């Protein structure tokens, strides 16, 4: 994805987070987010159907990033030094992955 697109989406995501700090989700509107992100409505709707769609993408990105970090850190958890066979280690990894997919 182009840097410009990523930067625009990051501004939108940040705006969503800021709006959620001030008001419940039911009170947030597309217009609030567009104004806070300082993007045109055309730009916003180019990437998202509405603020709920943008929030869903933000949540998915956060979970993917969190999952990546946890999987990266798994090697430092010293699971391999425990008295577990490889099936147990795979079970732990699968459970972590399933948790994030949920």
N, C-alpha and C. Protein backbone atom coordinates (compact mmCIF):
# COMPACT_ATOMS: atom_id res chain seq x y z
N UNK A 1 0.83 -1.17 0.00
CA UNK A 1 0.00 0.00 0.00
C UNK A 1 0.89 1.25 0.00
N UNK A 2 0.46 2.26 -0.67
CA UNK A 2 1.24 3.48 -0.75
C UNK A 2 1.32 4.18 0.60
N UNK A 3 2.42 4.89 0.78
CA UNK A 3 2.61 5.62 2.04
C UNK A 3 1.48 6.61 2.31
N UNK A 4 1.06 7.25 1.26
CA UNK A 4 0.01 8.27 1.41
C UNK A 4 -1.30 7.64 1.89
N UNK A 5 -1.63 6.49 1.34
CA UNK A 5 -2.84 5.78 1.75
C UNK A 5 -2.71 5.36 3.21
N UNK A 6 -1.55 4.79 3.55
CA UNK A 6 -1.32 4.37 4.94
C UNK A 6 -1.40 5.55 5.91
N UNK A 7 -0.82 6.67 5.53
CA UNK A 7 -0.85 7.85 6.39
C UNK A 7 -2.28 8.34 6.58
N UNK A 8 -3.06 8.33 5.51
CA UNK A 8 -4.46 8.76 5.59
C UNK A 8 -5.25 7.83 6.49
N UNK A 9 -5.07 6.53 6.29
CA UNK A 9 -5.79 5.57 7.14
C UNK A 9 -5.37 5.70 8.60
N UNK A 10 -4.09 5.94 8.84
CA UNK A 10 -3.62 6.12 10.22
C UNK A 10 -4.28 7.33 10.86
N UNK A 11 -4.45 8.42 10.10
CA UNK A 11 -5.13 9.60 10.64
C UNK A 11 -6.58 9.27 10.98
N UNK A 12 -7.21 8.49 10.12
CA UNK A 12 -8.60 8.09 10.38
C UNK A 12 -8.67 7.20 11.61
N UNK A 13 -7.76 6.23 11.70
CA UNK A 13 -7.74 5.34 12.87
C UNK A 13 -7.51 6.14 14.16
N UNK A 14 -6.58 7.06 14.12
CA UNK A 14 -6.30 7.89 15.31
C UNK A 14 -7.52 8.72 15.70
N UNK A 15 -8.22 9.20 14.70
CA UNK A 15 -9.43 9.97 14.96
C UNK A 15 -10.51 9.12 15.61
N UNK A 16 -10.63 7.89 15.16
CA UNK A 16 -11.60 6.97 15.77
C UNK A 16 -11.27 6.77 17.24
N UNK A 17 -10.01 6.53 17.52
CA UNK A 17 -9.58 6.31 18.90
C UNK A 17 -9.86 7.54 19.76
N UNK A 18 -9.53 8.71 19.23
CA UNK A 18 -9.78 9.96 19.96
C UNK A 18 -11.28 10.17 20.21
N UNK A 19 -12.09 9.89 19.21
CA UNK A 19 -13.54 10.04 19.38
C UNK A 19 -14.09 9.05 20.40
N UNK A 20 -13.55 7.83 20.40
CA UNK A 20 -14.00 6.81 21.37
C UNK A 20 -13.63 7.19 22.80
N UNK A 21 -12.57 7.98 22.96
CA UNK A 21 -12.19 8.45 24.29
C UNK A 21 -13.20 9.47 24.82
N UNK A 22 -13.84 10.17 23.90
CA UNK A 22 -14.76 11.24 24.29
C UNK A 22 -16.21 10.81 24.38
N UNK A 23 -16.59 9.83 23.58
CA UNK A 23 -18.01 9.48 23.50
C UNK A 23 -18.18 7.99 23.21
N UNK A 24 -19.33 7.44 23.59
CA UNK A 24 -19.58 6.03 23.26
C UNK A 24 -19.73 5.85 21.74
N UNK A 25 -19.54 4.64 21.30
CA UNK A 25 -19.60 4.32 19.87
C UNK A 25 -20.92 4.76 19.25
N UNK A 26 -21.99 4.64 19.99
CA UNK A 26 -23.32 5.00 19.45
C UNK A 26 -23.45 6.49 19.14
N UNK A 27 -22.59 7.31 19.72
CA UNK A 27 -22.66 8.76 19.49
C UNK A 27 -21.66 9.25 18.45
N UNK A 28 -20.79 8.37 17.98
CA UNK A 28 -19.78 8.77 17.01
C UNK A 28 -20.37 8.69 15.60
N UNK A 29 -20.04 9.68 14.81
CA UNK A 29 -20.54 9.71 13.43
C UNK A 29 -19.38 9.74 12.45
N UNK A 30 -19.69 9.41 11.22
CA UNK A 30 -18.69 9.51 10.16
C UNK A 30 -18.14 10.93 10.11
N UNK A 31 -19.05 11.89 10.20
CA UNK A 31 -18.68 13.31 10.11
C UNK A 31 -17.68 13.71 11.19
N UNK A 32 -17.87 13.20 12.42
CA UNK A 32 -16.91 13.50 13.50
C UNK A 32 -15.51 13.02 13.13
N UNK A 33 -15.45 11.81 12.64
CA UNK A 33 -14.16 11.20 12.32
C UNK A 33 -13.51 11.92 11.15
N UNK A 34 -14.30 12.22 10.12
CA UNK A 34 -13.79 12.91 8.94
C UNK A 34 -13.21 14.27 9.34
N UNK A 35 -13.93 14.98 10.17
CA UNK A 35 -13.47 16.29 10.62
C UNK A 35 -12.19 16.18 11.44
N UNK A 36 -12.18 15.26 12.39
CA UNK A 36 -11.01 15.08 13.27
C UNK A 36 -9.78 14.65 12.48
N UNK A 37 -9.98 13.78 11.48
CA UNK A 37 -8.86 13.26 10.67
C UNK A 37 -8.40 14.28 9.63
N UNK A 38 -9.20 15.31 9.41
CA UNK A 38 -8.92 16.33 8.41
C UNK A 38 -8.73 15.71 7.02
N UNK A 39 -9.70 14.87 6.67
CA UNK A 39 -9.75 14.29 5.33
C UNK A 39 -11.09 14.66 4.71
N UNK A 40 -11.17 14.60 3.41
CA UNK A 40 -12.45 14.89 2.77
C UNK A 40 -13.37 13.68 2.94
N UNK A 41 -14.65 13.92 2.83
CA UNK A 41 -15.60 12.80 2.93
C UNK A 41 -15.37 11.82 1.79
N UNK A 42 -15.00 12.32 0.61
CA UNK A 42 -14.71 11.44 -0.52
C UNK A 42 -13.56 10.51 -0.23
N UNK A 43 -12.53 11.04 0.43
CA UNK A 43 -11.38 10.21 0.80
C UNK A 43 -11.80 9.15 1.81
N UNK A 44 -12.55 9.57 2.81
CA UNK A 44 -13.00 8.62 3.83
C UNK A 44 -13.80 7.49 3.19
N UNK A 45 -14.77 7.85 2.35
CA UNK A 45 -15.64 6.83 1.75
C UNK A 45 -14.95 6.04 0.65
N UNK A 46 -13.81 6.51 0.20
CA UNK A 46 -13.02 5.73 -0.76
C UNK A 46 -12.48 4.47 -0.07
N UNK A 47 -12.15 4.59 1.20
CA UNK A 47 -11.56 3.47 1.95
C UNK A 47 -12.54 2.72 2.83
N UNK A 48 -13.60 3.39 3.30
CA UNK A 48 -14.53 2.78 4.25
C UNK A 48 -15.97 3.09 3.88
N UNK A 49 -16.86 2.15 4.20
CA UNK A 49 -18.31 2.39 3.96
C UNK A 49 -18.87 3.36 4.99
N UNK A 50 -18.36 3.24 6.23
CA UNK A 50 -18.83 4.10 7.33
C UNK A 50 -17.84 3.95 8.49
N UNK A 51 -18.13 4.63 9.59
CA UNK A 51 -17.20 4.58 10.71
C UNK A 51 -17.13 3.18 11.35
N UNK A 52 -18.20 2.42 11.27
CA UNK A 52 -18.19 1.06 11.80
C UNK A 52 -17.24 0.18 10.99
N UNK A 53 -17.24 0.36 9.69
CA UNK A 53 -16.33 -0.38 8.81
C UNK A 53 -14.88 -0.01 9.13
N UNK A 54 -14.62 1.27 9.34
CA UNK A 54 -13.28 1.73 9.68
C UNK A 54 -12.84 1.17 11.03
N UNK A 55 -13.75 1.16 11.99
CA UNK A 55 -13.44 0.61 13.31
C UNK A 55 -13.14 -0.88 13.22
N UNK A 56 -13.91 -1.60 12.41
CA UNK A 56 -13.68 -3.04 12.24
C UNK A 56 -12.29 -3.29 11.65
N UNK A 57 -11.91 -2.50 10.66
CA UNK A 57 -10.57 -2.66 10.07
C UNK A 57 -9.48 -2.33 11.09
N UNK A 58 -9.69 -1.28 11.86
CA UNK A 58 -8.74 -0.92 12.91
C UNK A 58 -8.58 -2.06 13.91
N UNK A 59 -9.68 -2.62 14.36
CA UNK A 59 -9.63 -3.74 15.30
C UNK A 59 -8.90 -4.93 14.71
N UNK A 60 -9.19 -5.27 13.46
CA UNK A 60 -8.53 -6.39 12.80
C UNK A 60 -7.02 -6.16 12.68
N UNK A 61 -6.64 -4.94 12.34
CA UNK A 61 -5.21 -4.62 12.24
C UNK A 61 -4.52 -4.74 13.59
N UNK A 62 -5.17 -4.25 14.63
CA UNK A 62 -4.59 -4.35 15.97
C UNK A 62 -4.42 -5.81 16.40
N UNK A 63 -5.43 -6.62 16.13
CA UNK A 63 -5.34 -8.04 16.49
C UNK A 63 -4.26 -8.76 15.69
N UNK A 64 -4.14 -8.44 14.40
CA UNK A 64 -3.08 -9.04 13.59
C UNK A 64 -1.71 -8.68 14.13
N UNK A 65 -1.53 -7.39 14.45
CA UNK A 65 -0.25 -6.94 14.99
C UNK A 65 0.04 -7.59 16.33
N UNK A 66 -0.96 -7.68 17.17
CA UNK A 66 -0.80 -8.30 18.48
C UNK A 66 -0.45 -9.78 18.34
N UNK A 67 -1.12 -10.44 17.44
CA UNK A 67 -0.85 -11.85 17.18
C UNK A 67 0.57 -12.05 16.68
N UNK A 68 1.01 -11.19 15.78
CA UNK A 68 2.37 -11.27 15.25
C UNK A 68 3.39 -11.12 16.37
N UNK A 69 3.17 -10.14 17.23
CA UNK A 69 4.10 -9.90 18.34
C UNK A 69 4.13 -11.09 19.29
N UNK A 70 2.96 -11.61 19.64
CA UNK A 70 2.93 -12.76 20.54
C UNK A 70 3.60 -13.99 19.93
N UNK A 71 3.35 -14.23 18.65
CA UNK A 71 4.00 -15.35 17.99
C UNK A 71 5.50 -15.16 17.91
N UNK A 72 5.93 -13.93 17.70
CA UNK A 72 7.36 -13.64 17.67
C UNK A 72 7.99 -13.86 19.05
N UNK A 73 7.24 -13.49 20.07
CA UNK A 73 7.74 -13.64 21.44
C UNK A 73 7.67 -15.07 21.94
N UNK A 74 6.93 -15.91 21.27
CA UNK A 74 6.75 -17.28 21.73
C UNK A 74 8.08 -17.99 21.91
N UNK A 75 9.03 -17.70 21.06
CA UNK A 75 10.33 -18.36 21.17
C UNK A 75 11.07 -17.94 22.44
N UNK A 76 10.69 -16.80 23.01
CA UNK A 76 11.34 -16.33 24.24
C UNK A 76 10.60 -16.80 25.49
N UNK A 77 9.48 -17.45 25.30
CA UNK A 77 8.73 -17.96 26.45
C UNK A 77 9.34 -19.23 27.00
N UNK A 78 10.35 -19.73 26.35
CA UNK A 78 11.06 -20.94 26.77
C UNK A 78 10.15 -22.15 26.87
N UNK A 79 9.16 -22.17 26.01
CA UNK A 79 8.26 -23.31 25.98
C UNK A 79 9.04 -24.57 25.63
N UNK A 80 10.03 -24.41 24.77
CA UNK A 80 10.82 -25.57 24.34
C UNK A 80 11.65 -26.17 25.47
N UNK A 81 11.93 -25.39 26.52
CA UNK A 81 12.73 -25.90 27.62
C UNK A 81 11.89 -26.65 28.65
N UNK A 82 10.59 -26.51 28.54
CA UNK A 82 9.72 -27.27 29.44
C UNK A 82 9.71 -28.72 28.99
N UNK A 83 9.27 -29.56 29.86
CA UNK A 83 9.24 -30.98 29.51
C UNK A 83 7.98 -31.31 28.73
N UNK A 84 7.88 -30.71 27.56
CA UNK A 84 6.74 -30.95 26.69
C UNK A 84 7.23 -31.51 25.38
N UNK A 85 6.42 -32.36 24.83
CA UNK A 85 6.76 -32.86 23.51
C UNK A 85 6.33 -31.84 22.45
N UNK A 86 6.70 -32.09 21.22
CA UNK A 86 6.39 -31.13 20.15
C UNK A 86 4.89 -30.97 19.94
N UNK A 87 4.12 -32.00 20.24
CA UNK A 87 2.66 -31.89 20.10
C UNK A 87 2.09 -30.89 21.09
N UNK A 88 2.64 -30.85 22.29
CA UNK A 88 2.16 -29.89 23.29
C UNK A 88 2.50 -28.46 22.88
N UNK A 89 3.68 -28.27 22.34
CA UNK A 89 4.09 -26.94 21.88
C UNK A 89 3.17 -26.50 20.74
N UNK A 90 2.88 -27.41 19.80
CA UNK A 90 1.99 -27.08 18.69
C UNK A 90 0.58 -26.76 19.21
N UNK A 91 0.14 -27.48 20.22
CA UNK A 91 -1.17 -27.23 20.79
C UNK A 91 -1.24 -25.82 21.38
N UNK A 92 -0.21 -25.41 22.09
CA UNK A 92 -0.16 -24.07 22.66
C UNK A 92 -0.20 -23.02 21.54
N UNK A 93 0.60 -23.23 20.50
CA UNK A 93 0.62 -22.28 19.39
C UNK A 93 -0.73 -22.22 18.69
N UNK A 94 -1.35 -23.37 18.47
CA UNK A 94 -2.67 -23.40 17.83
C UNK A 94 -3.71 -22.69 18.68
N UNK A 95 -3.66 -22.90 19.99
CA UNK A 95 -4.61 -22.23 20.87
C UNK A 95 -4.45 -20.72 20.83
N UNK A 96 -3.20 -20.26 20.80
CA UNK A 96 -2.96 -18.83 20.68
C UNK A 96 -3.53 -18.30 19.37
N UNK A 97 -3.25 -18.99 18.28
CA UNK A 97 -3.75 -18.57 16.97
C UNK A 97 -5.27 -18.57 16.93
N UNK A 98 -5.89 -19.58 17.50
CA UNK A 98 -7.35 -19.65 17.51
C UNK A 98 -7.96 -18.53 18.35
N UNK A 99 -7.30 -18.19 19.42
CA UNK A 99 -7.77 -17.09 20.25
C UNK A 99 -7.80 -15.79 19.47
N UNK A 100 -6.76 -15.54 18.69
CA UNK A 100 -6.71 -14.31 17.91
C UNK A 100 -7.65 -14.33 16.73
N UNK A 101 -7.88 -15.49 16.17
CA UNK A 101 -8.83 -15.58 15.05
C UNK A 101 -10.24 -15.30 15.54
N UNK A 102 -10.51 -15.68 16.80
CA UNK A 102 -11.83 -15.44 17.38
C UNK A 102 -12.07 -13.96 17.52
